[in-house]
C-alpha atoms as a PDB file:
ATOM      1  CA  MET A   1       0.000   0.000   0.000  1.00  0.00           C
ATOM      2  CA  THR A   2       1.471   3.340  -0.956  1.00  0.00           C
ATOM      3  CA  LEU A   3       1.746   6.199   1.446  1.00  0.00           C
ATOM      4  CA  ARG A   4      -0.954   8.334  -0.062  1.00  0.00           C
ATOM      5  CA  TYR A   5      -3.665   5.800   0.759  1.00  0.00           C
ATOM      6  CA  PHE A   6      -3.207   6.052   4.501  1.00  0.00           C
ATOM      7  CA  THR A   7      -1.968   9.611   4.959  1.00  0.00           C
ATOM      8  CA  LEU A   8      -5.030  11.774   5.503  1.00  0.00           C
ATOM      9  CA  PRO A   9      -5.086  15.582   5.741  1.00  0.00           C
ATOM     10  CA  ALA A  10      -4.594  15.497   9.537  1.00  0.00           C
ATOM     11  CA  VAL A  11      -0.852  14.911   9.083  1.00  0.00           C
ATOM     12  CA  PRO A  12      -0.087  17.780   6.677  1.00  0.00           C
ATOM     13  CA  THR A  13      -2.431  20.032   8.652  1.00  0.00           C
ATOM     14  CA  ILE A  14      -0.488  19.500  11.891  1.00  0.00           C
ATOM     15  CA  LEU A  15       2.749  19.929   9.934  1.00  0.00           C
ATOM     16  CA  SER A  16       1.509  23.319   8.745  1.00  0.00           C
ATOM     17  CA  VAL A  17       0.683  24.319  12.307  1.00  0.00           C
ATOM     18  CA  THR A  18       4.158  23.162  13.344  1.00  0.00           C
ATOM     19  CA  ALA A  19       5.899  25.164  10.633  1.00  0.00           C
ATOM     20  CA  GLY A  20       4.051  28.349  11.527  1.00  0.00           C
ATOM     21  CA  TYR A  21       4.668  27.773  15.217  1.00  0.00           C
ATOM     22  CA  VAL A  22       8.396  27.033  14.931  1.00  0.00           C
ATOM     23  CA  ASP A  23       9.079  29.856  12.491  1.00  0.00           C
ATOM     24  CA  THR A  24       7.319  32.394  14.712  1.00  0.00           C
ATOM     25  CA  ALA A  25       8.917  31.074  17.906  1.00  0.00           C
ATOM     26  CA  SER A  26      12.416  31.263  16.460  1.00  0.00           C
ATOM     27  CA  PHE A  27      11.786  34.680  14.910  1.00  0.00           C
ATOM     28  CA  LEU A  28      10.636  36.123  18.227  1.00  0.00           C
ATOM     29  CA  ALA A  29      13.012  34.359  20.606  1.00  0.00           C
ATOM     30  CA  LEU A  30      16.123  34.264  18.408  1.00  0.00           C
ATOM     31  CA  HIS A  31      16.112  37.830  17.073  1.00  0.00           C
ATOM     32  CA  GLY A  32      14.606  37.380  13.639  1.00  0.00           C
ATOM     33  CA  LEU A  33      15.829  33.901  12.716  1.00  0.00           C
ATOM     34  CA  PHE A  34      13.585  32.020  10.271  1.00  0.00           C
ATOM     35  CA  THR A  35      13.889  28.251  10.624  1.00  0.00           C
ATOM     36  CA  SER A  36      11.599  26.983   7.864  1.00  0.00           C
ATOM     37  CA  HIS A  37      11.370  29.925   5.465  1.00  0.00           C
ATOM     38  CA  VAL A  38      15.155  30.336   5.525  1.00  0.00           C
ATOM     39  CA  THR A  39      15.423  32.774   2.612  1.00  0.00           C
ATOM     40  CA  GLY A  40      13.801  35.331   4.904  1.00  0.00           C
ATOM     41  CA  ASN A  41      17.080  35.315   6.815  1.00  0.00           C
ATOM     42  CA  PHE A  42      18.659  37.287   3.972  1.00  0.00           C
ATOM     43  CA  VAL A  43      16.289  40.138   4.821  1.00  0.00           C
ATOM     44  CA  THR A  44      16.835  39.981   8.577  1.00  0.00           C
ATOM     45  CA  LEU A  45      20.587  39.550   8.081  1.00  0.00           C
ATOM     46  CA  GLY A  46      20.692  42.690   5.956  1.00  0.00           C
ATOM     47  CA  ALA A  47      18.691  44.571   8.581  1.00  0.00           C
ATOM     48  CA  SER A  48      21.025  43.368  11.333  1.00  0.00           C
ATOM     49  CA  LEU A  49      24.083  44.513   9.410  1.00  0.00           C
ATOM     50  CA  VAL A  50      22.584  47.946   8.689  1.00  0.00           C
ATOM     51  CA  HIS A  51      21.582  48.479  12.324  1.00  0.00           C
ATOM     52  CA  GLY A  52      24.859  47.126  13.655  1.00  0.00           C
ATOM     53  CA  ALA A  53      23.261  44.217  15.495  1.00  0.00           C
ATOM     54  CA  SER A  54      25.419  41.246  16.414  1.00  0.00           C
ATOM     55  CA  ASP A  55      22.819  38.501  15.934  1.00  0.00           C
ATOM     56  CA  THR A  56      24.058  37.350  12.525  1.00  0.00           C
ATOM     57  CA  THR A  57      25.824  34.011  12.998  1.00  0.00           C
ATOM     58  CA  ALA A  58      22.786  31.720  12.860  1.00  0.00           C
ATOM     59  CA  LYS A  59      21.304  33.698   9.957  1.00  0.00           C
ATOM     60  CA  ILE A  60      24.499  33.267   7.936  1.00  0.00           C
ATOM     61  CA  LEU A  61      24.665  29.546   8.679  1.00  0.00           C
ATOM     62  CA  ALA A  62      20.951  28.798   8.248  1.00  0.00           C
ATOM     63  CA  LEU A  63      20.772  28.533   4.453  1.00  0.00           C
ATOM     64  CA  PRO A  64      23.858  26.331   3.877  1.00  0.00           C
ATOM     65  CA  LEU A  65      22.846  24.087   6.784  1.00  0.00           C
ATOM     66  CA  PHE A  66      19.295  23.885   5.424  1.00  0.00           C
ATOM     67  CA  CYS A  67      20.672  22.829   2.024  1.00  0.00           C
ATOM     68  CA  VAL A  68      22.911  20.171   3.568  1.00  0.00           C
ATOM     69  CA  ALA A  69      20.023  18.796   5.640  1.00  0.00           C
ATOM     70  CA  VAL A  70      17.707  18.538   2.614  1.00  0.00           C
ATOM     71  CA  PHE A  71      20.459  16.841   0.589  1.00  0.00           C
ATOM     72  CA  ALA A  72      21.167  14.386   3.421  1.00  0.00           C
ATOM     73  CA  THR A  73      17.460  13.615   3.837  1.00  0.00           C
ATOM     74  CA  ARG A  74      17.195  12.732   0.162  1.00  0.00           C
ATOM     75  CA  ILE A  75      20.267  10.490   0.282  1.00  0.00           C
ATOM     76  CA  ALA A  76      19.146   8.819   3.508  1.00  0.00           C
ATOM     77  CA  ARG A  77      15.770   8.130   1.959  1.00  0.00           C
ATOM     78  CA  PHE A  78      17.333   5.826  -0.626  1.00  0.00           C
ATOM     79  CA  GLN A  79      19.059   3.863   2.139  1.00  0.00           C
ATOM     80  CA  VAL A  80      15.999   3.600   4.376  1.00  0.00           C
ATOM     81  CA  GLU A  81      13.765   2.645   1.460  1.00  0.00           C
ATOM     82  CA  GLN A  82      15.811  -0.483   0.836  1.00  0.00           C
ATOM     83  CA  SER A  83      15.286  -1.612   4.438  1.00  0.00           C
ATOM     84  CA  GLY A  84      11.487  -1.637   4.128  1.00  0.00           C
ATOM     85  CA  LEU A  85      11.076   0.562   7.204  1.00  0.00           C
ATOM     86  CA  PRO A  86       8.333   3.238   7.345  1.00  0.00           C
ATOM     87  CA  ILE A  87      10.258   6.153   5.869  1.00  0.00           C
ATOM     88  CA  LEU A  88       7.856   8.939   6.762  1.00  0.00           C
ATOM     89  CA  GLY A  89       7.580   7.623  10.304  1.00  0.00           C
ATOM     90  CA  ILE A  90      11.361   7.762  10.652  1.00  0.00           C
ATOM     91  CA  TRP A  91      11.476  11.367   9.424  1.00  0.00           C
ATOM     92  CA  LEU A  92       8.707  12.369  11.820  1.00  0.00           C
ATOM     93  CA  ALA A  93      10.512  10.687  14.718  1.00  0.00           C
ATOM     94  CA  THR A  94      13.767  12.396  13.763  1.00  0.00           C
ATOM     95  CA  GLN A  95      12.016  15.746  13.695  1.00  0.00           C
ATOM     96  CA  LEU A  96      10.541  15.052  17.143  1.00  0.00           C
ATOM     97  CA  VAL A  97      13.987  14.253  18.588  1.00  0.00           C
ATOM     98  CA  LEU A  98      15.539  17.395  17.124  1.00  0.00           C
ATOM     99  CA  MET A  99      12.719  19.607  18.396  1.00  0.00           C
ATOM    100  CA  ALA A 100      12.943  18.017  21.839  1.00  0.00           C
ATOM    101  CA  ILE A 101      16.692  18.723  21.976  1.00  0.00           C
ATOM    102  CA  ALA A 102      16.159  22.323  20.852  1.00  0.00           C
ATOM    103  CA  GLY A 103      13.397  22.768  23.417  1.00  0.00           C
ATOM    104  CA  ALA A 104      15.548  21.365  26.216  1.00  0.00           C
ATOM    105  CA  LEU A 105      18.424  23.701  25.321  1.00  0.00           C
ATOM    106  CA  ALA A 106      16.085  26.680  25.209  1.00  0.00           C
ATOM    107  CA  LEU A 107      14.638  25.892  28.621  1.00  0.00           C
ATOM    108  CA  CYS A 108      18.098  25.368  30.126  1.00  0.00           C
ATOM    109  CA  TYR A 109      19.838  28.417  28.660  1.00  0.00           C
ATOM    110  CA  GLY A 110      17.117  30.834  27.556  1.00  0.00           C
ATOM    111  CA  PRO A 111      15.943  33.493  27.237  1.00  0.00           C
ATOM    112  CA  PHE A 112      18.451  34.733  24.693  1.00  0.00           C
ATOM    113  CA  PRO A 113      19.156  38.467  24.830  1.00  0.00           C
ATOM    114  CA  ASP A 114      22.144  37.770  22.567  1.00  0.00           C
ATOM    115  CA  ALA A 115      21.379  35.478  19.629  1.00  0.00           C
ATOM    116  CA  ASP A 116      25.075  34.978  18.895  1.00  0.00           C
ATOM    117  CA  THR A 117      25.735  32.895  22.009  1.00  0.00           C
ATOM    118  CA  ALA A 118      26.444  29.194  21.504  1.00  0.00           C
ATOM    119  CA  PRO A 119      23.165  27.977  23.108  1.00  0.00           C
ATOM    120  CA  ALA A 120      21.047  30.373  21.031  1.00  0.00           C
ATOM    121  CA  ILE A 121      22.836  29.428  17.814  1.00  0.00           C
ATOM    122  CA  SER A 122      22.465  25.736  18.678  1.00  0.00           C
ATOM    123  CA  VAL A 123      18.717  26.036  19.283  1.00  0.00           C
ATOM    124  CA  GLY A 124      18.213  27.921  16.039  1.00  0.00           C
ATOM    125  CA  LEU A 125      20.284  25.641  13.844  1.00  0.00           C
ATOM    126  CA  ILE A 126      18.811  22.448  15.300  1.00  0.00           C
ATOM    127  CA  LEU A 127      15.374  23.782  14.407  1.00  0.00           C
ATOM    128  CA  VAL A 128      16.630  24.729  10.931  1.00  0.00           C
ATOM    129  CA  VAL A 129      17.630  21.085  10.411  1.00  0.00           C
ATOM    130  CA  ALA A 130      14.265  19.868  11.744  1.00  0.00           C
ATOM    131  CA  MET A 131      12.366  22.125   9.358  1.00  0.00           C
ATOM    132  CA  ALA A 132      14.657  21.247   6.447  1.00  0.00           C
ATOM    133  CA  ILE A 133      13.741  17.608   7.013  1.00  0.00           C
ATOM    134  CA  GLN A 134      10.049  18.573   7.000  1.00  0.00           C
ATOM    135  CA  ASN A 135      10.462  20.513   3.760  1.00  0.00           C
ATOM    136  CA  ALA A 136      12.213  17.536   2.185  1.00  0.00           C
ATOM    137  CA  PHE A 137       9.918  14.735   3.298  1.00  0.00           C
ATOM    138  CA  HIS A 138       6.836  16.747   2.364  1.00  0.00           C
ATOM    139  CA  ARG A 139       8.069  17.050  -1.223  1.00  0.00           C
ATOM    140  CA  ILE A 140       9.006  13.367  -1.303  1.00  0.00           C
ATOM    141  CA  HIS A 141       6.080  11.739   0.505  1.00  0.00           C
ATOM    142  CA  LEU A 142       3.235  14.272   0.747  1.00  0.00           C
ATOM    143  CA  SER A 143       3.442  16.048  -2.583  1.00  0.00           C
ATOM    144  CA  GLN A 144      -0.299  15.570  -3.167  1.00  0.00           C
ATOM    145  CA  PHE A 145      -0.901  18.100  -0.369  1.00  0.00           C
ATOM    146  CA  PRO A 146      -0.070  21.827  -0.417  1.00  0.00           C
ATOM    147  CA  PRO A 147       3.318  22.856   1.041  1.00  0.00           C
ATOM    148  CA  THR A 148       3.320  23.051   4.820  1.00  0.00           C
ATOM    149  CA  THR A 149       6.118  25.572   5.297  1.00  0.00           C
ATOM    150  CA  ILE A 150       5.889  28.259   2.596  1.00  0.00           C
ATOM    151  CA  MET A 151       2.585  30.062   2.276  1.00  0.00           C
ATOM    152  CA  THR A 152       3.374  32.469  -0.570  1.00  0.00           C
ATOM    153  CA  GLY A 153       2.915  29.871  -3.298  1.00  0.00           C
ATOM    154  CA  THR A 154      -0.019  28.292  -1.480  1.00  0.00           C
ATOM    155  CA  THR A 155      -1.811  31.634  -1.143  1.00  0.00           C
ATOM    156  CA  THR A 156      -1.127  32.500  -4.782  1.00  0.00           C
ATOM    157  CA  GLN A 157      -2.545  29.185  -5.983  1.00  0.00           C
ATOM    158  CA  ALA A 158      -5.590  29.512  -3.735  1.00  0.00           C
ATOM    159  CA  MET A 159      -6.393  32.941  -5.166  1.00  0.00           C
ATOM    160  CA  LEU A 160      -5.884  31.719  -8.742  1.00  0.00           C
ATOM    161  CA  ASP A 161      -8.213  28.780  -8.125  1.00  0.00           C
ATOM    162  CA  LEU A 162     -10.831  30.975  -6.455  1.00  0.00           C
ATOM    163  CA  ALA A 163     -10.671  33.336  -9.432  1.00  0.00           C
ATOM    164  CA  ASP A 164     -11.214  30.390 -11.781  1.00  0.00           C
ATOM    165  CA  LEU A 165     -14.206  29.223  -9.747  1.00  0.00           C
ATOM    166  CA  PHE A 166     -15.612  32.748  -9.726  1.00  0.00           C
ATOM    167  CA  HIS A 167     -15.149  33.006 -13.479  1.00  0.00           C
ATOM    168  CA  GLY A 168     -16.602  29.571 -14.064  1.00  0.00           C
ATOM    169  CA  VAL A 169     -15.085  26.210 -14.959  1.00  0.00           C
ATOM    170  CA  PRO A 170     -16.483  23.081 -16.651  1.00  0.00           C
ATOM    171  CA  GLU A 171     -18.554  20.925 -14.319  1.00  0.00           C
ATOM    172  CA  ASN A 172     -16.161  17.970 -14.720  1.00  0.00           C
ATOM    173  CA  GLU A 173     -13.333  20.129 -13.276  1.00  0.00           C
ATOM    174  CA  LYS A 174     -15.288  21.977 -10.604  1.00  0.00           C
ATOM    175  CA  LEU A 175     -15.266  19.372  -7.818  1.00  0.00           C
ATOM    176  CA  ALA A 176     -11.533  18.735  -8.115  1.00  0.00           C
ATOM    177  CA  LEU A 177     -10.818  22.461  -8.092  1.00  0.00           C
ATOM    178  CA  GLN A 178     -13.022  23.013  -5.058  1.00  0.00           C
ATOM    179  CA  ALA A 179     -11.235  20.205  -3.221  1.00  0.00           C
ATOM    180  CA  ARG A 180      -7.856  21.743  -4.010  1.00  0.00           C
ATOM    181  CA  VAL A 181      -8.972  25.172  -2.806  1.00  0.00           C
ATOM    182  CA  THR A 182     -10.186  23.595   0.429  1.00  0.00           C
ATOM    183  CA  ASN A 183      -6.811  21.923   0.981  1.00  0.00           C
ATOM    184  CA  LEU A 184      -4.954  25.137   0.198  1.00  0.00           C
ATOM    185  CA  LEU A 185      -7.079  27.243   2.551  1.00  0.00           C
ATOM    186  CA  ASN A 186      -6.803  24.611   5.287  1.00  0.00           C
ATOM    187  CA  GLY A 187      -3.007  24.762   4.994  1.00  0.00           C
ATOM    188  CA  ILE A 188      -2.969  28.567   5.184  1.00  0.00           C
ATOM    189  CA  LEU A 189      -5.306  28.580   8.195  1.00  0.00           C
ATOM    190  CA  ALA A 190      -3.244  25.899   9.952  1.00  0.00           C
ATOM    191  CA  PHE A 191      -0.006  27.814   9.386  1.00  0.00           C
ATOM    192  CA  ALA A 192      -1.591  31.027  10.654  1.00  0.00           C
ATOM    193  CA  THR A 193      -2.877  29.170  13.715  1.00  0.00           C
ATOM    194  CA  GLY A 194       0.644  27.996  14.495  1.00  0.00           C
ATOM    195  CA  CYS A 195       1.987  31.547  14.130  1.00  0.00           C
ATOM    196  CA  ALA A 196      -0.685  32.972  16.422  1.00  0.00           C
ATOM    197  CA  ALA A 197      -0.190  30.258  19.035  1.00  0.00           C
ATOM    198  CA  ALA A 198       3.574  30.785  19.148  1.00  0.00           C
ATOM    199  CA  ALA A 199       3.224  34.558  19.424  1.00  0.00           C
ATOM    200  CA  PHE A 200       0.695  34.259  22.238  1.00  0.00           C
ATOM    201  CA  ILE A 201       2.742  31.710  24.190  1.00  0.00           C
ATOM    202  CA  TYR A 202       5.990  33.645  23.727  1.00  0.00           C
ATOM    203  CA  ALA A 203       4.372  36.817  25.033  1.00  0.00           C
ATOM    204  CA  PHE A 204       3.711  35.128  28.374  1.00  0.00           C
ATOM    205  CA  THR A 205       6.412  32.458  28.675  1.00  0.00           C
ATOM    206  CA  ALA A 206       9.452  33.595  26.625  1.00  0.00           C
ATOM    207  CA  GLN A 207      11.729  30.596  25.968  1.00  0.00           C
ATOM    208  CA  TRP A 208       9.044  28.126  27.085  1.00  0.00           C
ATOM    209  CA  VAL A 209       7.515  28.644  23.657  1.00  0.00           C
ATOM    210  CA  PHE A 210      10.018  26.093  22.339  1.00  0.00           C
ATOM    211  CA  ALA A 211       8.385  23.370  24.458  1.00  0.00           C
ATOM    212  CA  GLY A 212       5.425  23.478  22.101  1.00  0.00           C
ATOM    213  CA  ALA A 213       7.389  22.295  19.059  1.00  0.00           C
ATOM    214  CA  PRO A 214       8.050  18.704  20.253  1.00  0.00           C
ATOM    215  CA  ILE A 215       4.444  18.487  21.446  1.00  0.00           C
ATOM    216  CA  LEU A 216       3.254  19.276  17.919  1.00  0.00           C
ATOM    217  CA  ALA A 217       5.762  16.812  16.481  1.00  0.00           C
ATOM    218  CA  ALA A 218       4.477  14.100  18.813  1.00  0.00           C
ATOM    219  CA  ALA A 219       0.887  14.889  17.796  1.00  0.00           C
ATOM    220  CA  THR A 220       1.864  14.488  14.144  1.00  0.00           C
ATOM    221  CA  ILE A 221       3.314  11.059  14.863  1.00  0.00           C
ATOM    222  CA  GLY A 222       0.119  10.141  16.689  1.00  0.00           C
ATOM    223  CA  PHE A 223      -2.022  11.046  13.681  1.00  0.00           C
ATOM    224  CA  TYR A 224       0.388   9.229  11.381  1.00  0.00           C
ATOM    225  CA  ILE A 225       0.168   6.018  13.437  1.00  0.00           C
ATOM    226  CA  ARG A 226      -3.625   6.279  13.710  1.00  0.00           C
ATOM    227  CA  GLU A 227      -4.104   6.654   9.967  1.00  0.00           C
ATOM    228  CA  LYS A 228      -1.649   3.874   9.203  1.00  0.00           C
ATOM    229  CA  MET A 229      -3.468   1.511  11.581  1.00  0.00           C
ATOM    230  CA  ALA A 230      -6.823   2.505  10.084  1.00  0.00           C
ATOM    231  CA  ALA A 231      -5.511   1.727   6.612  1.00  0.00           C
ATOM    232  CA  SER A 232      -4.205  -1.657   7.743  1.00  0.00           C
ATOM    233  CA  LYS A 233      -7.688  -2.608   8.965  1.00  0.00           C
ATOM    234  CA  LEU A 234      -9.093  -1.837   5.524  1.00  0.00           C
ATOM    235  CA  GLN A 235      -6.775  -4.262   3.802  1.00  0.00           C
END
C-alpha cells in the first residue's frame, strides 16, 4: 500500500501548524531567525548589518545548513527505502527528537538576549535542520498536499483557483478544483494558527515557547500512526 492511501489531511495540517509555530517562535526568541522559510534570513541579516546588530551568525549559517540537511534527507531516503522501514515515520521521529533537543536547550539556557551565544545558535540551527527535514519529506512523501512551510505559493494558488471558480469552470473540473482550494485554505489557516499560538505563548512564557514544538511533532506522529493503523484494517 502506498503512502498516499493512509496519509489523511490530519498529518499535513499539523505539519503546517508546526511550521508556523516554529518559524514564529524562532523569529521572536532568536532575534529574527527564520527556521523553515530560511530565505527570509537574507532580509533579517541585511537589517542586522545595517543596524549594527550582532545577531548574525545563525542567519548566515541557516541557508547552507538547510541545504545540507535537505540533501542528506534525500540520500538517507534511498538507504531507508531499501530496508522496508516506514520512511515517513522515521522522518517524523527524527524531527521530534531534534525539536525536543532544541526545546531542552532553550529551557536550560534561555531566554536569549544575545542570539550569537552558543546555546542560542544551537537552538536555532537544530530547528533549521528539523524544518529542512520537513520541507524535504513533504516534497518526497506528501506532494499531493499543499506545502506546509511556505505560504506564498499556497496563497497564490488559492487565489488563482478561487478566481477560476468565480469566473466559471467546466462541471467535470469543478469538484476537483473546489477540493484543491479547500486543501490550500486549510493549509494557510493551519499555518496562521501555528503563528498565532507561538506569538501568544511567547508573550507570556518567553523561551518556554520552544516546548510546544516537540508536542506538535508528537501529535503528528500520533495522527500518522492512527491513519496507518486505520488503513491496515481496511486491507
